[in-house]
Protein backbone atom coordinates (compact mmCIF):
# COMPACT_ATOMS: atom_id res chain seq x y z
CA UNK A 1 -40.59 7.12 0.88
CA UNK A 2 -41.77 9.25 3.81
CA UNK A 3 -40.02 10.65 6.88
CA UNK A 4 -40.38 8.32 9.80
CA UNK A 5 -39.40 8.66 13.45
CA UNK A 6 -37.45 5.62 14.63
CA UNK A 7 -37.37 6.36 18.35
CA UNK A 8 -33.74 7.58 18.34
CA UNK A 9 -34.56 11.31 18.29
CA UNK A 10 -33.55 11.49 14.61
CA UNK A 11 -35.94 11.97 11.72
CA UNK A 12 -34.69 9.98 8.72
CA UNK A 13 -36.38 8.78 5.51
CA UNK A 14 -37.61 5.20 5.79
CA UNK A 15 -38.59 2.62 3.24
CA UNK A 16 -40.02 -0.79 4.10
CA UNK A 17 -39.53 0.03 7.77
CA UNK A 18 -35.74 0.58 7.47
CA UNK A 19 -34.19 4.04 7.73
CA UNK A 20 -31.26 5.20 5.66
CA UNK A 21 -29.43 5.74 8.93
CA UNK A 22 -29.89 2.07 9.90
CA UNK A 23 -28.85 0.91 6.44
CA UNK A 24 -25.69 3.01 6.58
CA UNK A 25 -24.80 1.77 10.05
CA UNK A 26 -25.31 -1.87 9.10
CA UNK A 27 -23.14 -1.43 6.03
CA UNK A 28 -20.40 0.44 7.90
CA UNK A 29 -20.35 -2.05 10.76
CA UNK A 30 -19.57 -4.84 8.33
CA UNK A 31 -16.25 -3.27 7.41
CA UNK A 32 -13.49 -1.00 8.63
CA UNK A 33 -11.00 1.51 7.28
CA UNK A 34 -7.43 0.15 7.30
CA UNK A 35 -8.17 -1.35 10.70
CA UNK A 36 -5.17 -3.68 10.93
CA UNK A 37 -2.76 -0.83 10.14
CA UNK A 38 -3.77 0.87 13.39
CA UNK A 39 -4.75 -1.97 15.73
CA UNK A 40 -1.38 -3.65 15.15
CA UNK A 41 0.23 -1.06 17.45
CA UNK A 42 -1.21 -2.81 20.49
CA UNK A 43 0.55 -6.06 19.53
CA UNK A 44 4.13 -6.21 20.82
CA UNK A 45 5.29 -8.75 18.24
CA UNK A 46 3.99 -6.60 15.39
CA UNK A 47 5.80 -3.57 16.81
CA UNK A 48 9.04 -5.57 16.91
CA UNK A 49 8.46 -6.59 13.28
CA UNK A 50 8.07 -2.92 12.35
CA UNK A 51 11.47 -2.21 13.87
CA UNK A 52 13.09 -5.20 12.15
CA UNK A 53 11.63 -4.33 8.73
CA UNK A 54 12.61 -0.67 9.11
CA UNK A 55 16.17 -1.59 10.06
CA UNK A 56 16.64 -4.03 7.17
CA UNK A 57 15.06 -1.76 4.55
CA UNK A 58 16.80 1.36 5.83
CA UNK A 59 20.19 -0.35 5.89
CA UNK A 60 19.72 -1.68 2.35
CA UNK A 61 18.78 1.78 1.06
CA UNK A 62 21.74 3.47 2.77
CA UNK A 63 24.17 0.86 1.45
CA UNK A 64 23.26 1.57 -2.18
CA UNK A 65 22.24 5.23 -1.83
CA UNK A 66 25.17 6.58 -3.85
CA UNK A 67 26.00 3.48 -5.89
CA UNK A 68 23.89 4.15 -9.00
CA UNK A 69 22.05 7.50 -8.70
CA UNK A 70 19.25 7.99 -11.24
CA UNK A 71 18.29 11.51 -10.16
CA UNK A 72 20.98 12.78 -7.72
CA UNK A 73 19.49 13.72 -4.36
CA UNK A 74 16.07 12.30 -5.29
CA UNK A 75 16.26 8.64 -6.25
CA UNK A 76 18.72 5.95 -7.20
CA UNK A 77 18.73 2.35 -8.35
CA UNK A 78 17.04 0.99 -5.24
CA UNK A 79 18.34 -2.52 -4.68
CA UNK A 80 16.63 -2.43 -1.28
CA UNK A 81 13.24 -2.43 -3.01
CA UNK A 82 13.37 -6.21 -3.17
CA UNK A 83 12.07 -6.10 0.43
CA UNK A 84 8.79 -4.07 0.67
CA UNK A 85 6.50 -6.44 -1.26
CA UNK A 86 7.76 -9.48 0.64
CA UNK A 87 7.50 -7.56 3.93
CA UNK A 88 3.92 -6.58 3.15
CA UNK A 89 2.80 -10.10 2.25
CA UNK A 90 4.58 -11.74 5.18
CA UNK A 91 4.19 -9.16 7.94
CA UNK A 92 1.12 -7.21 6.77
CA UNK A 93 0.77 -3.79 8.42
CA UNK A 94 4.10 -4.24 10.23
CA UNK A 95 5.73 -4.53 6.81
CA UNK A 96 3.93 -1.38 5.65
CA UNK A 97 5.01 0.75 8.61
CA UNK A 98 8.49 -0.80 8.55
CA UNK A 99 8.86 0.15 4.88
CA UNK A 100 7.73 3.72 5.59
CA UNK A 101 10.07 4.20 8.55
CA UNK A 102 12.88 2.38 6.72
CA UNK A 103 12.64 4.83 3.81
CA UNK A 104 12.78 7.73 6.27
CA UNK A 105 15.88 6.22 7.86
CA UNK A 106 17.42 5.82 4.41
CA UNK A 107 16.78 9.49 3.64
CA UNK A 108 18.00 10.64 7.05
CA UNK A 109 21.33 8.82 7.01
CA UNK A 110 21.73 8.75 3.24
CA UNK A 111 21.81 12.50 2.87
CA UNK A 112 18.54 12.90 0.94
CA UNK A 113 16.24 14.04 3.75
CA UNK A 114 14.01 16.92 2.65
CA UNK A 115 10.40 17.98 2.02
CA UNK A 116 10.03 15.12 -0.46
CA UNK A 117 10.64 12.67 2.38
CA UNK A 118 7.09 13.33 3.58
CA UNK A 119 5.70 11.99 0.33
CA UNK A 120 8.33 9.25 0.47
CA UNK A 121 6.96 8.13 3.84
CA UNK A 122 3.38 7.93 2.53
CA UNK A 123 4.38 6.36 -0.78
CA UNK A 124 6.56 3.71 0.84
CA UNK A 125 3.84 2.94 3.37
CA UNK A 126 1.58 2.17 0.41
CA UNK A 127 4.36 0.09 -1.15
CA UNK A 128 4.21 -2.21 1.87
CA UNK A 129 0.48 -1.84 2.59
CA UNK A 130 -1.06 -2.50 -0.82
CA UNK A 131 0.48 -5.96 -1.39
CA UNK A 132 -1.39 -7.57 1.49
CA UNK A 133 -4.44 -5.32 1.15
CA UNK A 134 -4.88 -5.98 -2.58
CA UNK A 135 -3.91 -9.65 -2.38
CA UNK A 136 -7.38 -11.05 -1.63
CA UNK A 137 -9.50 -8.11 -2.81
CA UNK A 138 -8.42 -7.49 -6.40
CA UNK A 139 -9.93 -10.75 -7.65
CA UNK A 140 -12.17 -11.95 -4.80
CA UNK A 141 -13.70 -14.68 -6.95
CA UNK A 142 -10.25 -16.34 -7.13
CA UNK A 143 -10.46 -17.04 -3.37
CA UNK A 144 -6.79 -16.29 -2.68
CA UNK A 145 -5.65 -17.16 0.82
CA UNK A 146 -3.67 -14.59 2.77
CA UNK A 147 -0.61 -16.79 3.00
CA UNK A 148 1.73 -17.41 0.08
CA UNK A 149 1.27 -20.71 -1.78
CA UNK A 150 4.60 -21.47 -3.44
CA UNK A 151 3.22 -24.07 -5.84
CA UNK A 152 0.32 -21.96 -7.11
CA UNK A 153 0.68 -20.29 -10.52
CA UNK A 154 -2.31 -18.07 -9.73
CA UNK A 155 -0.46 -16.78 -6.67
CA UNK A 156 2.58 -16.02 -8.79
CA UNK A 157 0.56 -14.13 -11.39
CA UNK A 158 -1.22 -12.26 -8.61
CA UNK A 159 2.17 -11.39 -7.13
CA UNK A 160 3.44 -9.83 -10.37
CA UNK A 161 0.26 -7.78 -10.82
CA UNK A 162 0.03 -6.63 -7.20
CA UNK A 163 3.74 -5.70 -7.25
CA UNK A 164 3.26 -3.53 -10.33
CA UNK A 165 0.15 -1.79 -8.93
CA UNK A 166 1.79 -1.18 -5.52
CA UNK A 167 4.91 0.21 -7.18
CA UNK A 168 2.88 2.46 -9.48
CA UNK A 169 0.68 3.74 -6.64
CA UNK A 170 3.78 4.59 -4.61
CA UNK A 171 5.28 6.37 -7.63
CA UNK A 172 2.17 8.45 -8.37
CA UNK A 173 1.84 9.69 -4.79
CA UNK A 174 5.51 10.61 -4.44
CA UNK A 175 5.82 12.17 -7.89
CA UNK A 176 2.74 14.37 -7.49
CA UNK A 177 4.16 15.92 -4.32
CA UNK A 178 7.73 16.27 -5.63
CA UNK A 179 6.38 17.91 -8.80
CA UNK A 180 4.37 20.31 -6.60
CA UNK A 181 7.62 21.28 -4.86
CA UNK A 182 9.07 22.08 -8.28
CA UNK A 183 11.92 19.60 -7.95
CA UNK A 184 11.35 16.98 -10.69
CA UNK A 185 8.55 16.90 -13.33
CA UNK A 186 5.80 14.43 -12.50
CA UNK A 187 5.84 12.76 -15.92
CA UNK A 188 9.51 11.85 -15.56
CA UNK A 189 9.71 10.82 -11.91
CA UNK A 190 6.55 8.68 -11.90
CA UNK A 191 7.93 6.41 -14.62
CA UNK A 192 11.36 6.09 -13.00
CA UNK A 193 9.97 5.18 -9.56
CA UNK A 194 7.44 2.74 -11.03
CA UNK A 195 10.16 0.95 -13.00
CA UNK A 196 12.44 0.92 -9.96
CA UNK A 197 9.74 -0.47 -7.66
CA UNK A 198 8.36 -3.00 -10.09
CA UNK A 199 11.60 -4.61 -11.27
CA UNK A 200 13.04 -4.83 -7.75
CA UNK A 201 9.71 -6.15 -6.45
CA UNK A 202 9.59 -8.87 -9.09
CA UNK A 203 13.11 -9.93 -8.18
CA UNK A 204 11.92 -9.95 -4.57
CA UNK A 205 9.75 -12.97 -5.39
CA UNK A 206 12.91 -15.02 -4.84
CA UNK A 207 13.12 -13.65 -1.30
CA UNK A 208 9.45 -14.36 -0.62
CA UNK A 209 9.69 -17.95 -1.87
CA UNK A 210 12.84 -18.50 0.21
CA UNK A 211 11.57 -17.30 3.57
CA UNK A 212 7.77 -17.59 3.54
CA UNK A 213 7.57 -21.15 4.84
CA UNK A 214 10.18 -20.55 7.54
CA UNK A 215 8.50 -17.32 8.62
CA UNK A 216 5.08 -18.92 8.91
CA UNK A 217 5.75 -22.48 10.08
CA UNK A 218 8.95 -22.25 12.12
CA UNK A 219 8.92 -18.73 13.54
CA UNK A 220 5.14 -18.24 13.61
CA UNK A 221 5.48 -14.64 12.46
CA UNK A 222 3.01 -14.55 9.58
CA UNK A 223 0.99 -11.41 10.27
CA UNK A 224 -2.48 -13.00 10.10
CA UNK A 225 -1.38 -15.57 12.69
CA UNK A 226 0.19 -12.97 14.97
CA UNK A 227 -2.84 -10.65 15.00
CA UNK A 228 -6.32 -11.47 16.28
CA UNK A 229 -8.97 -11.75 13.58
CA UNK A 230 -11.07 -9.03 15.23
CA UNK A 231 -8.07 -6.69 15.05
CA UNK A 232 -7.60 -7.42 11.36
CA UNK A 233 -11.21 -6.65 10.49
CA UNK A 234 -12.80 -6.73 7.08
CA UNK A 235 -12.50 -4.05 4.39
CA UNK A 236 -15.30 -1.52 4.20
CA UNK A 237 -15.46 -1.92 0.43
CA UNK A 238 -12.51 -4.08 -0.55
CA UNK A 239 -13.36 -4.76 -4.19
CA UNK A 240 -14.19 -1.11 -4.88
CA UNK A 241 -11.08 0.09 -3.06
CA UNK A 242 -8.84 -2.37 -4.87
CA UNK A 243 -10.01 -1.29 -8.30
CA UNK A 244 -9.91 2.39 -7.43
CA UNK A 245 -6.25 1.91 -6.56
CA UNK A 246 -5.61 -0.21 -9.66
CA UNK A 247 -7.24 2.17 -12.15
CA UNK A 248 -5.79 5.31 -10.54
CA UNK A 249 -2.29 3.79 -10.44
CA UNK A 250 -2.34 2.91 -14.13
CA UNK A 251 -4.01 6.20 -15.11
CA UNK A 252 -1.39 8.09 -13.08
CA UNK A 253 1.35 6.71 -15.30
CA UNK A 254 -0.33 8.36 -18.29
CA UNK A 255 0.36 11.81 -16.85
CA UNK A 256 2.08 13.84 -19.52
CA UNK A 257 0.85 11.55 -22.29
CA UNK A 258 -2.77 12.72 -22.46
CA UNK A 259 -3.22 15.87 -24.62
CA UNK A 260 -5.04 18.67 -22.82
CA UNK A 261 -4.50 17.25 -19.33
CA UNK A 262 -1.57 18.67 -17.36
CA UNK A 263 0.59 15.92 -15.90
CA UNK A 264 0.46 17.43 -12.41
CA UNK A 265 -3.35 17.52 -12.47
CA UNK A 266 -3.50 13.88 -13.50
CA UNK A 267 -1.07 13.08 -10.69
CA UNK A 268 -3.05 14.79 -7.95
CA UNK A 269 -6.41 13.38 -9.08
CA UNK A 270 -4.97 9.87 -9.22
CA UNK A 271 -3.27 10.36 -5.85
CA UNK A 272 -6.63 11.25 -4.31
CA UNK A 273 -8.27 8.12 -5.71
CA UNK A 274 -5.34 5.94 -4.63
CA UNK A 275 -5.63 7.22 -1.05
CA UNK A 276 -9.41 6.82 -1.00
CA UNK A 277 -9.14 3.30 -2.38
CA UNK A 278 -6.45 2.41 0.15
CA UNK A 279 -8.66 3.51 3.03
CA UNK A 280 -11.49 1.33 1.72
CA UNK A 281 -9.25 -1.74 1.68
């Protein structure tokens, strides 16, 4: 390998006539970082779906905010969490943003707005984002389609796994920040939120099965049909990102259980990998 001038005023190492710069550009141009989550804001129907998802989720959270508190002022038995996974799979990035804004609305009008709401916004965004982002990338050899196939057992198994990973990722991110604020220990909160998210999300399969066909075929609101393919883009490194999120989410739940590793440290390291993986999806 020797330095070679490629005529673009940049000296870069070249091998077999191809510079590292060209290789990087070709690789990067094949994928994008969370493209659909940002390009959706130029689509009026997706913006309306954000508002609808936020209103439904926020209202559900407010309605049960004080019904069964688990940690007063922090979290409760969240019946409304039957919605985020279904929103993510049906409405894609609109479901993700709607879940994030809906959680903020729930905190604002439910009396739990505080510094932890920042982490709640990010965590709940992931709760709606990861279902559709992981859906086709976690097991690419399975050739899952973006839309829900009600009669497919592989889709159902994928749903249960993706729901657990999305719920755990959300829990790790929120718990790391809340622990940093000195409010609730990471090891305790991460397990509670994961259990809350996962059980409600699994029950939410009933909702998804009930409305998926109507949403797609009658209303034409399935996110991949509403958005242009060029606006959706392809993941920069989908398989890598998916497994970074998966491993970090599971490892994050071990915080407090690994001798010699402070729970908060485990939480922040896993949060970093979850965010990196999410951007690669």
